[in-house]
């Protein structure tokens, strides 16, 4: 989409010979961790803000985010001179909080998870009349995120599968809609942390109970309630969903740091963990992975290293 290309970098699609040997396929990593603000979230946030008219803009924007949506939205609002007030969990990485503040947003820290911040933001919306910009359950946000897939298929038309990290489902819904509209032969696979698997449960019909909280090193995809818009789209257009463990995510993060010299956050490493530990996803195929973000809290690297060291390298066929 031309509007998104005004601000978003066309990020690289990178191969790793080590990863190719590990998986038995050809794996292409879409490095959205190198995107402005360090995440693909800029795409959807910017497109949504671009659709606001002057009256909407004058009301100001309200949002809730674990960090990446907050950064993308804060930057997008600053470029249009729109005030933004963003609610974030109290335990959000300091690096993300500082980045959001640097883009000019007013920050309110609320609760210890995304859901608490979201509920506080909705209360603020009712009180102030601002425009609430949802991080994933919004048609314009979903449309903006779909540009990741459009770029991938332009960069490597031979891709047969695209693997997508999933929180509330905005990126996966956008990817699935874009891919199935222009290349229905390409498989779309979503991946969640087993600790935060609400979309996976809805997709597979294995919902055990409504999640009220979840904790994951992949804080960007630790969402307890998937979107009302995203789930039907995912159910219709996505081919498969898998889960990975916290330790497998940590292992993928350390793999990228040590082997590829690339910093990737937990959410961004989920798709990599999927192909590393679910062998069928990449074997004898050309597979694209979305490395969705790189905003890591640096004080936690020792934690991630300890978790990675516990990984059983046995893969699932």
C-alpha atoms as a PDB file:
ATOM      1  CA  UNK A   1       0.000   0.000   0.000  1.00  0.00           C
ATOM      2  CA  UNK A   2       1.445   3.327  -1.073  1.00  0.00           C
ATOM      3  CA  UNK A   3       0.458   5.142   2.122  1.00  0.00           C
ATOM      4  CA  UNK A   4       2.459   2.767   4.330  1.00  0.00           C
ATOM      5  CA  UNK A   5       5.470   2.939   2.023  1.00  0.00           C
ATOM      6  CA  UNK A   6       5.746   6.650   2.817  1.00  0.00           C
ATOM      7  CA  UNK A   7       7.135   5.779   6.243  1.00  0.00           C
ATOM      8  CA  UNK A   8       7.949   2.064   6.508  1.00  0.00           C
ATOM      9  CA  UNK A   9      11.307   0.643   5.485  1.00  0.00           C
ATOM     10  CA  UNK A  10      11.312  -2.182   2.957  1.00  0.00           C
ATOM     11  CA  UNK A  11      13.032  -4.558   5.344  1.00  0.00           C
ATOM     12  CA  UNK A  12      15.455  -7.297   4.207  1.00  0.00           C
ATOM     13  CA  UNK A  13      14.524 -10.911   3.536  1.00  0.00           C
ATOM     14  CA  UNK A  14      17.563 -12.720   4.916  1.00  0.00           C
ATOM     15  CA  UNK A  15      18.775 -16.307   4.650  1.00  0.00           C
ATOM     16  CA  UNK A  16      20.919 -18.193   7.164  1.00  0.00           C
ATOM     17  CA  UNK A  17      22.997 -21.134   5.947  1.00  0.00           C
ATOM     18  CA  UNK A  18      23.030 -22.535   9.491  1.00  0.00           C
ATOM     19  CA  UNK A  19      19.250 -22.373   9.686  1.00  0.00           C
ATOM     20  CA  UNK A  20      18.880 -23.967   6.278  1.00  0.00           C
ATOM     21  CA  UNK A  21      21.009 -26.903   7.407  1.00  0.00           C
ATOM     22  CA  UNK A  22      19.021 -27.192  10.654  1.00  0.00           C
ATOM     23  CA  UNK A  23      15.617 -27.247   8.945  1.00  0.00           C
ATOM     24  CA  UNK A  24      16.422 -29.007   5.687  1.00  0.00           C
ATOM     25  CA  UNK A  25      14.735 -26.222   3.754  1.00  0.00           C
ATOM     26  CA  UNK A  26      15.406 -22.711   2.513  1.00  0.00           C
ATOM     27  CA  UNK A  27      14.298 -20.214   5.131  1.00  0.00           C
ATOM     28  CA  UNK A  28      13.909 -16.500   4.457  1.00  0.00           C
ATOM     29  CA  UNK A  29      13.586 -14.188   7.456  1.00  0.00           C
ATOM     30  CA  UNK A  30      11.678 -10.926   7.005  1.00  0.00           C
ATOM     31  CA  UNK A  31      13.565  -8.684   9.420  1.00  0.00           C
ATOM     32  CA  UNK A  32      10.876  -6.366  10.733  1.00  0.00           C
ATOM     33  CA  UNK A  33      13.064  -5.941  13.811  1.00  0.00           C
ATOM     34  CA  UNK A  34      14.967  -3.511  11.561  1.00  0.00           C
ATOM     35  CA  UNK A  35      11.803  -1.525  10.858  1.00  0.00           C
ATOM     36  CA  UNK A  36      11.442   2.031  12.168  1.00  0.00           C
ATOM     37  CA  UNK A  37      10.501   1.820  15.867  1.00  0.00           C
ATOM     38  CA  UNK A  38      11.882  -1.748  15.814  1.00  0.00           C
ATOM     39  CA  UNK A  39       8.669  -3.517  14.842  1.00  0.00           C
ATOM     40  CA  UNK A  40       6.136  -4.167  12.072  1.00  0.00           C
ATOM     41  CA  UNK A  41       3.542  -2.419  14.251  1.00  0.00           C
ATOM     42  CA  UNK A  42       4.445   0.906  12.678  1.00  0.00           C
ATOM     43  CA  UNK A  43       2.735  -0.209   9.473  1.00  0.00           C
ATOM     44  CA  UNK A  44      -0.740  -0.692  10.901  1.00  0.00           C
ATOM     45  CA  UNK A  45      -0.522   2.250  13.288  1.00  0.00           C
ATOM     46  CA  UNK A  46       0.585   4.648  10.570  1.00  0.00           C
ATOM     47  CA  UNK A  47      -2.088   3.535   8.130  1.00  0.00           C
ATOM     48  CA  UNK A  48      -4.794   3.900  10.791  1.00  0.00           C
ATOM     49  CA  UNK A  49      -3.636   7.403  11.740  1.00  0.00           C
ATOM     50  CA  UNK A  50      -3.499   8.367   8.062  1.00  0.00           C
ATOM     51  CA  UNK A  51      -7.253   7.663   7.783  1.00  0.00           C
ATOM     52  CA  UNK A  52      -8.227  10.044  10.613  1.00  0.00           C
ATOM     53  CA  UNK A  53      -9.855  13.290   9.522  1.00  0.00           C
ATOM     54  CA  UNK A  54      -9.120  16.638  11.177  1.00  0.00           C
ATOM     55  CA  UNK A  55     -12.011  16.354  13.628  1.00  0.00           C
ATOM     56  CA  UNK A  56     -10.900  12.904  14.745  1.00  0.00           C
ATOM     57  CA  UNK A  57      -7.325  14.073  15.030  1.00  0.00           C
ATOM     58  CA  UNK A  58      -8.358  16.991  17.217  1.00  0.00           C
ATOM     59  CA  UNK A  59      -9.895  14.533  19.702  1.00  0.00           C
ATOM     60  CA  UNK A  60      -6.540  12.897  20.240  1.00  0.00           C
ATOM     61  CA  UNK A  61      -5.664   9.214  20.147  1.00  0.00           C
ATOM     62  CA  UNK A  62      -5.832   6.668  22.970  1.00  0.00           C
ATOM     63  CA  UNK A  63      -4.321   3.200  22.917  1.00  0.00           C
ATOM     64  CA  UNK A  64      -3.084   0.295  25.008  1.00  0.00           C
ATOM     65  CA  UNK A  65       0.067  -1.610  24.193  1.00  0.00           C
ATOM     66  CA  UNK A  66       2.825  -3.756  25.617  1.00  0.00           C
ATOM     67  CA  UNK A  67       5.208  -1.517  23.706  1.00  0.00           C
ATOM     68  CA  UNK A  68       5.516  -1.990  19.946  1.00  0.00           C
ATOM     69  CA  UNK A  69       2.079  -0.688  18.947  1.00  0.00           C
ATOM     70  CA  UNK A  70       2.695   2.183  21.345  1.00  0.00           C
ATOM     71  CA  UNK A  71       5.895   3.164  19.564  1.00  0.00           C
ATOM     72  CA  UNK A  72       4.409   2.926  16.091  1.00  0.00           C
ATOM     73  CA  UNK A  73       1.339   4.901  17.102  1.00  0.00           C
ATOM     74  CA  UNK A  74       3.269   7.563  19.008  1.00  0.00           C
ATOM     75  CA  UNK A  75       5.521   8.209  16.012  1.00  0.00           C
ATOM     76  CA  UNK A  76       2.589   8.216  13.583  1.00  0.00           C
ATOM     77  CA  UNK A  77       0.649  10.703  15.714  1.00  0.00           C
ATOM     78  CA  UNK A  78       3.666  12.978  16.116  1.00  0.00           C
ATOM     79  CA  UNK A  79       4.084  13.164  12.349  1.00  0.00           C
ATOM     80  CA  UNK A  80       0.509  14.463  12.069  1.00  0.00           C
ATOM     81  CA  UNK A  81       0.614  16.681  15.131  1.00  0.00           C
ATOM     82  CA  UNK A  82      -1.981  14.560  16.952  1.00  0.00           C
ATOM     83  CA  UNK A  83      -1.856  14.110  20.715  1.00  0.00           C
ATOM     84  CA  UNK A  84      -1.572  10.511  21.894  1.00  0.00           C
ATOM     85  CA  UNK A  85      -2.135   8.959  25.307  1.00  0.00           C
ATOM     86  CA  UNK A  86      -0.964   5.384  25.616  1.00  0.00           C
ATOM     87  CA  UNK A  87      -1.539   2.931  28.444  1.00  0.00           C
ATOM     88  CA  UNK A  88       1.197   0.361  29.025  1.00  0.00           C
ATOM     89  CA  UNK A  89       1.707  -2.380  31.621  1.00  0.00           C
ATOM     90  CA  UNK A  90       3.808  -1.377  34.604  1.00  0.00           C
ATOM     91  CA  UNK A  91       6.256  -4.156  33.778  1.00  0.00           C
ATOM     92  CA  UNK A  92       6.719  -3.126  30.130  1.00  0.00           C
ATOM     93  CA  UNK A  93      10.402  -3.073  29.116  1.00  0.00           C
ATOM     94  CA  UNK A  94      12.051   0.218  30.064  1.00  0.00           C
ATOM     95  CA  UNK A  95      13.468   0.475  26.558  1.00  0.00           C
ATOM     96  CA  UNK A  96       9.951   0.459  25.089  1.00  0.00           C
ATOM     97  CA  UNK A  97       8.612   2.974  27.617  1.00  0.00           C
ATOM     98  CA  UNK A  98      11.495   5.357  26.924  1.00  0.00           C
ATOM     99  CA  UNK A  99      11.030   4.999  23.167  1.00  0.00           C
ATOM    100  CA  UNK A 100       7.303   5.767  23.344  1.00  0.00           C
ATOM    101  CA  UNK A 101       7.986   8.820  25.477  1.00  0.00           C
ATOM    102  CA  UNK A 102      10.651  10.007  23.034  1.00  0.00           C
ATOM    103  CA  UNK A 103       8.017  10.113  20.273  1.00  0.00           C
ATOM    104  CA  UNK A 104       5.949  12.558  22.314  1.00  0.00           C
ATOM    105  CA  UNK A 105       3.168  10.375  23.703  1.00  0.00           C
ATOM    106  CA  UNK A 106       1.715  10.739  27.177  1.00  0.00           C
ATOM    107  CA  UNK A 107       2.245   7.417  28.970  1.00  0.00           C
ATOM    108  CA  UNK A 108       0.133   5.881  31.711  1.00  0.00           C
ATOM    109  CA  UNK A 109       1.452   2.707  33.364  1.00  0.00           C
ATOM    110  CA  UNK A 110      -1.413   0.477  34.454  1.00  0.00           C
ATOM    111  CA  UNK A 111      -1.494  -3.087  35.798  1.00  0.00           C
ATOM    112  CA  UNK A 112       0.934  -5.928  35.192  1.00  0.00           C
ATOM    113  CA  UNK A 113      -0.302  -7.111  31.785  1.00  0.00           C
ATOM    114  CA  UNK A 114      -1.720  -5.885  28.503  1.00  0.00           C
ATOM    115  CA  UNK A 115      -5.326  -6.628  29.478  1.00  0.00           C
ATOM    116  CA  UNK A 116      -5.165  -4.319  32.508  1.00  0.00           C
ATOM    117  CA  UNK A 117      -3.691  -1.543  30.378  1.00  0.00           C
ATOM    118  CA  UNK A 118      -6.366  -2.118  27.734  1.00  0.00           C
ATOM    119  CA  UNK A 119      -9.213  -1.832  30.244  1.00  0.00           C
ATOM    120  CA  UNK A 120      -7.759   1.395  31.615  1.00  0.00           C
ATOM    121  CA  UNK A 121      -7.452   2.812  28.093  1.00  0.00           C
ATOM    122  CA  UNK A 122     -11.092   1.988  27.340  1.00  0.00           C
ATOM    123  CA  UNK A 123     -12.154   3.817  30.500  1.00  0.00           C
ATOM    124  CA  UNK A 124     -10.144   6.810  29.340  1.00  0.00           C
ATOM    125  CA  UNK A 125     -11.832   6.658  25.939  1.00  0.00           C
ATOM    126  CA  UNK A 126     -15.261   6.887  27.563  1.00  0.00           C
ATOM    127  CA  UNK A 127     -14.170   9.765  29.762  1.00  0.00           C
ATOM    128  CA  UNK A 128     -12.273  11.886  27.255  1.00  0.00           C
ATOM    129  CA  UNK A 129     -13.852  11.045  23.897  1.00  0.00           C
ATOM    130  CA  UNK A 130     -10.515  10.348  22.250  1.00  0.00           C
ATOM    131  CA  UNK A 131     -10.120   7.997  19.275  1.00  0.00           C
ATOM    132  CA  UNK A 132      -9.186   4.524  20.465  1.00  0.00           C
ATOM    133  CA  UNK A 133      -6.735   2.768  18.149  1.00  0.00           C
ATOM    134  CA  UNK A 134      -6.754  -0.946  18.821  1.00  0.00           C
ATOM    135  CA  UNK A 135      -3.411  -2.751  18.357  1.00  0.00           C
ATOM    136  CA  UNK A 136      -4.928  -5.571  16.310  1.00  0.00           C
ATOM    137  CA  UNK A 137      -8.747  -5.638  16.183  1.00  0.00           C
ATOM    138  CA  UNK A 138      -9.193  -2.874  13.618  1.00  0.00           C
ATOM    139  CA  UNK A 139      -9.684  -3.180   9.857  1.00  0.00           C
ATOM    140  CA  UNK A 140      -7.293  -0.318   9.015  1.00  0.00           C
ATOM    141  CA  UNK A 141      -4.592  -1.650  11.329  1.00  0.00           C
ATOM    142  CA  UNK A 142      -4.963  -5.109   9.778  1.00  0.00           C
ATOM    143  CA  UNK A 143      -4.700  -3.591   6.290  1.00  0.00           C
ATOM    144  CA  UNK A 144      -1.482  -1.817   7.227  1.00  0.00           C
ATOM    145  CA  UNK A 145       0.057  -5.008   8.607  1.00  0.00           C
ATOM    146  CA  UNK A 146      -0.737  -6.872   5.392  1.00  0.00           C
ATOM    147  CA  UNK A 147       2.004  -4.923   3.606  1.00  0.00           C
ATOM    148  CA  UNK A 148       4.582  -7.222   5.219  1.00  0.00           C
ATOM    149  CA  UNK A 149       3.307 -10.134   3.122  1.00  0.00           C
ATOM    150  CA  UNK A 150       3.069  -8.067  -0.053  1.00  0.00           C
ATOM    151  CA  UNK A 151       6.738  -7.153   0.291  1.00  0.00           C
ATOM    152  CA  UNK A 152       7.768 -10.746   1.035  1.00  0.00           C
ATOM    153  CA  UNK A 153       6.078 -12.086  -2.080  1.00  0.00           C
ATOM    154  CA  UNK A 154       7.669  -9.359  -4.190  1.00  0.00           C
ATOM    155  CA  UNK A 155      11.103 -10.108  -2.744  1.00  0.00           C
ATOM    156  CA  UNK A 156      10.803 -13.899  -3.053  1.00  0.00           C
ATOM    157  CA  UNK A 157       7.874 -15.022  -5.249  1.00  0.00           C
ATOM    158  CA  UNK A 158       8.904 -18.683  -4.832  1.00  0.00           C
ATOM    159  CA  UNK A 159       7.854 -18.812  -1.184  1.00  0.00           C
ATOM    160  CA  UNK A 160       5.505 -21.700  -0.436  1.00  0.00           C
ATOM    161  CA  UNK A 161       4.798 -21.012   3.250  1.00  0.00           C
ATOM    162  CA  UNK A 162       4.783 -17.917   5.467  1.00  0.00           C
ATOM    163  CA  UNK A 163       5.048 -18.360   9.245  1.00  0.00           C
ATOM    164  CA  UNK A 164       3.636 -15.569  11.393  1.00  0.00           C
ATOM    165  CA  UNK A 165       3.874 -14.823  15.145  1.00  0.00           C
ATOM    166  CA  UNK A 166       0.454 -14.269  16.706  1.00  0.00           C
ATOM    167  CA  UNK A 167      -0.798 -12.294  19.688  1.00  0.00           C
ATOM    168  CA  UNK A 168      -4.266 -10.888  19.100  1.00  0.00           C
ATOM    169  CA  UNK A 169      -4.111 -11.817  15.436  1.00  0.00           C
ATOM    170  CA  UNK A 170      -3.833  -8.509  13.566  1.00  0.00           C
ATOM    171  CA  UNK A 171      -0.636  -9.411  11.720  1.00  0.00           C
ATOM    172  CA  UNK A 172      -1.786 -12.949  10.950  1.00  0.00           C
ATOM    173  CA  UNK A 173      -5.184 -11.744   9.696  1.00  0.00           C
ATOM    174  CA  UNK A 174      -3.549  -9.152   7.456  1.00  0.00           C
ATOM    175  CA  UNK A 175      -0.994 -11.624   6.120  1.00  0.00           C
ATOM    176  CA  UNK A 176      -3.656 -14.259   5.436  1.00  0.00           C
ATOM    177  CA  UNK A 177      -5.968 -11.839   3.630  1.00  0.00           C
ATOM    178  CA  UNK A 178      -3.158 -10.497   1.456  1.00  0.00           C
ATOM    179  CA  UNK A 179      -1.628 -13.880   0.634  1.00  0.00           C
ATOM    180  CA  UNK A 180      -4.864 -15.701  -0.133  1.00  0.00           C
ATOM    181  CA  UNK A 181      -6.074 -12.859  -2.366  1.00  0.00           C
ATOM    182  CA  UNK A 182      -2.999 -12.898  -4.621  1.00  0.00           C
ATOM    183  CA  UNK A 183      -1.274 -16.251  -4.000  1.00  0.00           C
ATOM    184  CA  UNK A 184      -3.780 -18.784  -2.642  1.00  0.00           C
ATOM    185  CA  UNK A 185      -1.221 -21.554  -3.179  1.00  0.00           C
ATOM    186  CA  UNK A 186       0.990 -20.169  -0.394  1.00  0.00           C
ATOM    187  CA  UNK A 187       0.374 -21.695   3.044  1.00  0.00           C
ATOM    188  CA  UNK A 188      -0.042 -19.359   6.006  1.00  0.00           C
ATOM    189  CA  UNK A 189       0.907 -20.709   9.436  1.00  0.00           C
ATOM    190  CA  UNK A 190       0.431 -18.900  12.743  1.00  0.00           C
ATOM    191  CA  UNK A 191       2.517 -19.537  15.860  1.00  0.00           C
ATOM    192  CA  UNK A 192       1.878 -18.673  19.494  1.00  0.00           C
ATOM    193  CA  UNK A 193       3.613 -19.242  22.784  1.00  0.00           C
ATOM    194  CA  UNK A 194       2.016 -22.153  24.620  1.00  0.00           C
ATOM    195  CA  UNK A 195       1.763 -19.746  27.559  1.00  0.00           C
ATOM    196  CA  UNK A 196      -0.399 -17.339  25.547  1.00  0.00           C
ATOM    197  CA  UNK A 197      -2.373 -19.445  23.098  1.00  0.00           C
ATOM    198  CA  UNK A 198      -5.817 -17.859  22.919  1.00  0.00           C
ATOM    199  CA  UNK A 199      -5.886 -17.635  19.105  1.00  0.00           C
ATOM    200  CA  UNK A 200      -4.456 -21.148  18.756  1.00  0.00           C
ATOM    201  CA  UNK A 201      -7.193 -22.478  21.027  1.00  0.00           C
ATOM    202  CA  UNK A 202      -9.902 -20.670  19.056  1.00  0.00           C
ATOM    203  CA  UNK A 203      -8.461 -21.904  15.748  1.00  0.00           C
ATOM    204  CA  UNK A 204      -8.171 -25.536  16.815  1.00  0.00           C
ATOM    205  CA  UNK A 205     -11.336 -25.637  18.918  1.00  0.00           C
ATOM    206  CA  UNK A 206      -9.370 -26.687  21.976  1.00  0.00           C
ATOM    207  CA  UNK A 207     -10.338 -23.782  24.209  1.00  0.00           C
ATOM    208  CA  UNK A 208      -9.990 -24.959  27.777  1.00  0.00           C
ATOM    209  CA  UNK A 209     -11.233 -21.832  29.493  1.00  0.00           C
ATOM    210  CA  UNK A 210     -11.185 -18.076  29.032  1.00  0.00           C
ATOM    211  CA  UNK A 211      -7.716 -16.792  29.812  1.00  0.00           C
ATOM    212  CA  UNK A 212      -7.596 -14.011  32.380  1.00  0.00           C
ATOM    213  CA  UNK A 213      -3.846 -13.492  32.345  1.00  0.00           C
ATOM    214  CA  UNK A 214      -0.742 -14.889  30.693  1.00  0.00           C
ATOM    215  CA  UNK A 215       2.969 -14.432  31.169  1.00  0.00           C
ATOM    216  CA  UNK A 216       5.494 -14.873  28.388  1.00  0.00           C
ATOM    217  CA  UNK A 217       8.949 -13.660  27.439  1.00  0.00           C
ATOM    218  CA  UNK A 218       7.218 -12.890  24.150  1.00  0.00           C
ATOM    219  CA  UNK A 219       5.424  -9.929  25.732  1.00  0.00           C
ATOM    220  CA  UNK A 220       4.434  -8.541  22.338  1.00  0.00           C
ATOM    221  CA  UNK A 221       2.155 -11.549  21.709  1.00  0.00           C
ATOM    222  CA  UNK A 222       1.024 -12.227  25.289  1.00  0.00           C
ATOM    223  CA  UNK A 223      -2.667 -11.500  24.710  1.00  0.00           C
ATOM    224  CA  UNK A 224      -5.418 -13.168  26.738  1.00  0.00           C
ATOM    225  CA  UNK A 225      -8.338 -12.327  24.437  1.00  0.00           C
ATOM    226  CA  UNK A 226      -8.053 -12.487  20.644  1.00  0.00           C
ATOM    227  CA  UNK A 227      -9.863 -10.060  18.388  1.00  0.00           C
ATOM    228  CA  UNK A 228     -13.502 -10.225  17.389  1.00  0.00           C
ATOM    229  CA  UNK A 229     -12.450  -9.212  13.881  1.00  0.00           C
ATOM    230  CA  UNK A 230      -9.260 -11.229  13.640  1.00  0.00           C
ATOM    231  CA  UNK A 231     -10.435 -14.679  14.748  1.00  0.00           C
ATOM    232  CA  UNK A 232     -13.045 -15.173  11.977  1.00  0.00           C
ATOM    233  CA  UNK A 233     -10.502 -14.068   9.357  1.00  0.00           C
ATOM    234  CA  UNK A 234      -7.872 -16.410  10.766  1.00  0.00           C
ATOM    235  CA  UNK A 235     -10.320 -19.296  10.975  1.00  0.00           C
ATOM    236  CA  UNK A 236     -11.249 -18.832   7.307  1.00  0.00           C
ATOM    237  CA  UNK A 237      -7.898 -18.124   5.662  1.00  0.00           C
ATOM    238  CA  UNK A 238      -5.079 -19.526   7.814  1.00  0.00           C
ATOM    239  CA  UNK A 239      -3.913 -23.060   7.007  1.00  0.00           C
ATOM    240  CA  UNK A 240      -2.387 -24.129  10.312  1.00  0.00           C
ATOM    241  CA  UNK A 241      -1.400 -22.952  13.771  1.00  0.00           C
ATOM    242  CA  UNK A 242       1.265 -24.310  16.119  1.00  0.00           C
ATOM    243  CA  UNK A 243       2.636 -23.437  19.543  1.00  0.00           C
ATOM    244  CA  UNK A 244       6.167 -23.248  20.905  1.00  0.00           C
ATOM    245  CA  UNK A 245       7.466 -23.266  24.460  1.00  0.00           C
ATOM    246  CA  UNK A 246       9.022 -20.360  26.300  1.00  0.00           C
ATOM    247  CA  UNK A 247      12.371 -22.140  26.261  1.00  0.00           C
ATOM    248  CA  UNK A 248      12.173 -22.686  22.503  1.00  0.00           C
ATOM    249  CA  UNK A 249      11.479 -18.977  21.986  1.00  0.00           C
ATOM    250  CA  UNK A 250      14.484 -18.128  24.171  1.00  0.00           C
ATOM    251  CA  UNK A 251      16.628 -20.555  22.164  1.00  0.00           C
ATOM    252  CA  UNK A 252      15.576 -18.858  18.919  1.00  0.00           C
ATOM    253  CA  UNK A 253      16.433 -15.448  20.387  1.00  0.00           C
ATOM    254  CA  UNK A 254      19.903 -16.653  21.375  1.00  0.00           C
ATOM    255  CA  UNK A 255      20.374 -18.318  17.971  1.00  0.00           C
ATOM    256  CA  UNK A 256      19.770 -14.996  16.243  1.00  0.00           C
ATOM    257  CA  UNK A 257      22.067 -13.126  18.621  1.00  0.00           C
ATOM    258  CA  UNK A 258      24.942 -15.609  18.589  1.00  0.00           C
ATOM    259  CA  UNK A 259      24.804 -16.967  15.033  1.00  0.00           C
ATOM    260  CA  UNK A 260      23.332 -14.080  13.050  1.00  0.00           C
ATOM    261  CA  UNK A 261      24.369 -11.114  15.248  1.00  0.00           C
ATOM    262  CA  UNK A 262      20.783  -9.857  15.148  1.00  0.00           C
ATOM    263  CA  UNK A 263      18.742  -8.757  18.174  1.00  0.00           C
ATOM    264  CA  UNK A 264      15.227 -10.220  18.173  1.00  0.00           C
ATOM    265  CA  UNK A 265      12.581  -9.959  20.889  1.00  0.00           C
ATOM    266  CA  UNK A 266      10.529 -12.920  22.084  1.00  0.00           C
ATOM    267  CA  UNK A 267       7.544 -12.225  19.862  1.00  0.00           C
ATOM    268  CA  UNK A 268       9.832 -11.855  16.855  1.00  0.00           C
ATOM    269  CA  UNK A 269      11.570 -15.146  17.594  1.00  0.00           C
ATOM    270  CA  UNK A 270       8.358 -17.192  17.820  1.00  0.00           C
ATOM    271  CA  UNK A 271       8.167 -17.853  14.072  1.00  0.00           C
ATOM    272  CA  UNK A 272      11.817 -18.897  14.037  1.00  0.00           C
ATOM    273  CA  UNK A 273      11.232 -21.263  16.962  1.00  0.00           C
ATOM    274  CA  UNK A 274       8.337 -22.784  15.022  1.00  0.00           C
ATOM    275  CA  UNK A 275      10.474 -23.872  12.060  1.00  0.00           C
ATOM    276  CA  UNK A 276      13.355 -24.931  14.292  1.00  0.00           C
ATOM    277  CA  UNK A 277      11.218 -27.262  16.400  1.00  0.00           C
ATOM    278  CA  UNK A 278       8.362 -28.250  14.045  1.00  0.00           C
ATOM    279  CA  UNK A 279      10.400 -29.879  11.275  1.00  0.00           C
ATOM    280  CA  UNK A 280       7.583 -30.323   8.760  1.00  0.00           C
ATOM    281  CA  UNK A 281       7.131 -26.565   8.358  1.00  0.00           C
ATOM    282  CA  UNK A 282      10.386 -26.027   6.479  1.00  0.00           C
ATOM    283  CA  UNK A 283      11.671 -29.412   5.291  1.00  0.00           C
ATOM    284  CA  UNK A 284      12.321 -29.318   1.523  1.00  0.00           C
ATOM    285  CA  UNK A 285      10.443 -26.028   1.211  1.00  0.00           C
ATOM    286  CA  UNK A 286      11.026 -22.317   0.695  1.00  0.00           C
ATOM    287  CA  UNK A 287       9.591 -20.725   3.809  1.00  0.00           C
ATOM    288  CA  UNK A 288       9.278 -17.097   4.856  1.00  0.00           C
ATOM    289  CA  UNK A 289       9.361 -16.125   8.525  1.00  0.00           C
ATOM    290  CA  UNK A 290       8.268 -12.815   9.945  1.00  0.00           C
ATOM    291  CA  UNK A 291      10.779 -11.688  12.561  1.00  0.00           C
ATOM    292  CA  UNK A 292       8.308  -9.172  13.894  1.00  0.00           C
ATOM    293  CA  UNK A 293      10.328  -7.047  16.307  1.00  0.00           C
ATOM    294  CA  UNK A 294      13.614  -6.376  18.048  1.00  0.00           C
ATOM    295  CA  UNK A 295      12.768  -4.317  21.111  1.00  0.00           C
ATOM    296  CA  UNK A 296      14.430  -6.394  23.821  1.00  0.00           C
ATOM    297  CA  UNK A 297      14.837  -5.397  27.448  1.00  0.00           C
ATOM    298  CA  UNK A 298      18.645  -5.692  27.715  1.00  0.00           C
ATOM    299  CA  UNK A 299      18.628  -6.490  31.437  1.00  0.00           C
ATOM    300  CA  UNK A 300      16.867  -9.800  30.704  1.00  0.00           C
ATOM    301  CA  UNK A 301      19.411 -11.352  28.341  1.00  0.00           C
ATOM    302  CA  UNK A 302      20.850 -13.523  31.112  1.00  0.00           C
ATOM    303  CA  UNK A 303      17.345 -14.867  31.799  1.00  0.00           C
ATOM    304  CA  UNK A 304      16.862 -15.725  28.124  1.00  0.00           C
ATOM    305  CA  UNK A 305      20.259 -17.425  27.989  1.00  0.00           C
ATOM    306  CA  UNK A 306      19.395 -19.573  31.015  1.00  0.00           C
ATOM    307  CA  UNK A 307      16.072 -20.595  29.476  1.00  0.00           C
ATOM    308  CA  UNK A 308      17.718 -21.405  26.137  1.00  0.00           C
ATOM    309  CA  UNK A 309      20.234 -23.676  27.815  1.00  0.00           C
ATOM    310  CA  UNK A 310      17.379 -25.897  29.038  1.00  0.00           C
ATOM    311  CA  UNK A 311      15.998 -26.617  25.579  1.00  0.00           C
ATOM    312  CA  UNK A 312      15.545 -30.154  24.382  1.00  0.00           C
ATOM    313  CA  UNK A 313      16.715 -29.967  20.779  1.00  0.00           C
ATOM    314  CA  UNK A 314      14.382 -32.763  19.700  1.00  0.00           C
ATOM    315  CA  UNK A 315      12.140 -31.547  16.922  1.00  0.00           C
ATOM    316  CA  UNK A 316       8.491 -32.351  16.269  1.00  0.00           C
ATOM    317  CA  UNK A 317       7.832 -33.988  12.899  1.00  0.00           C
END
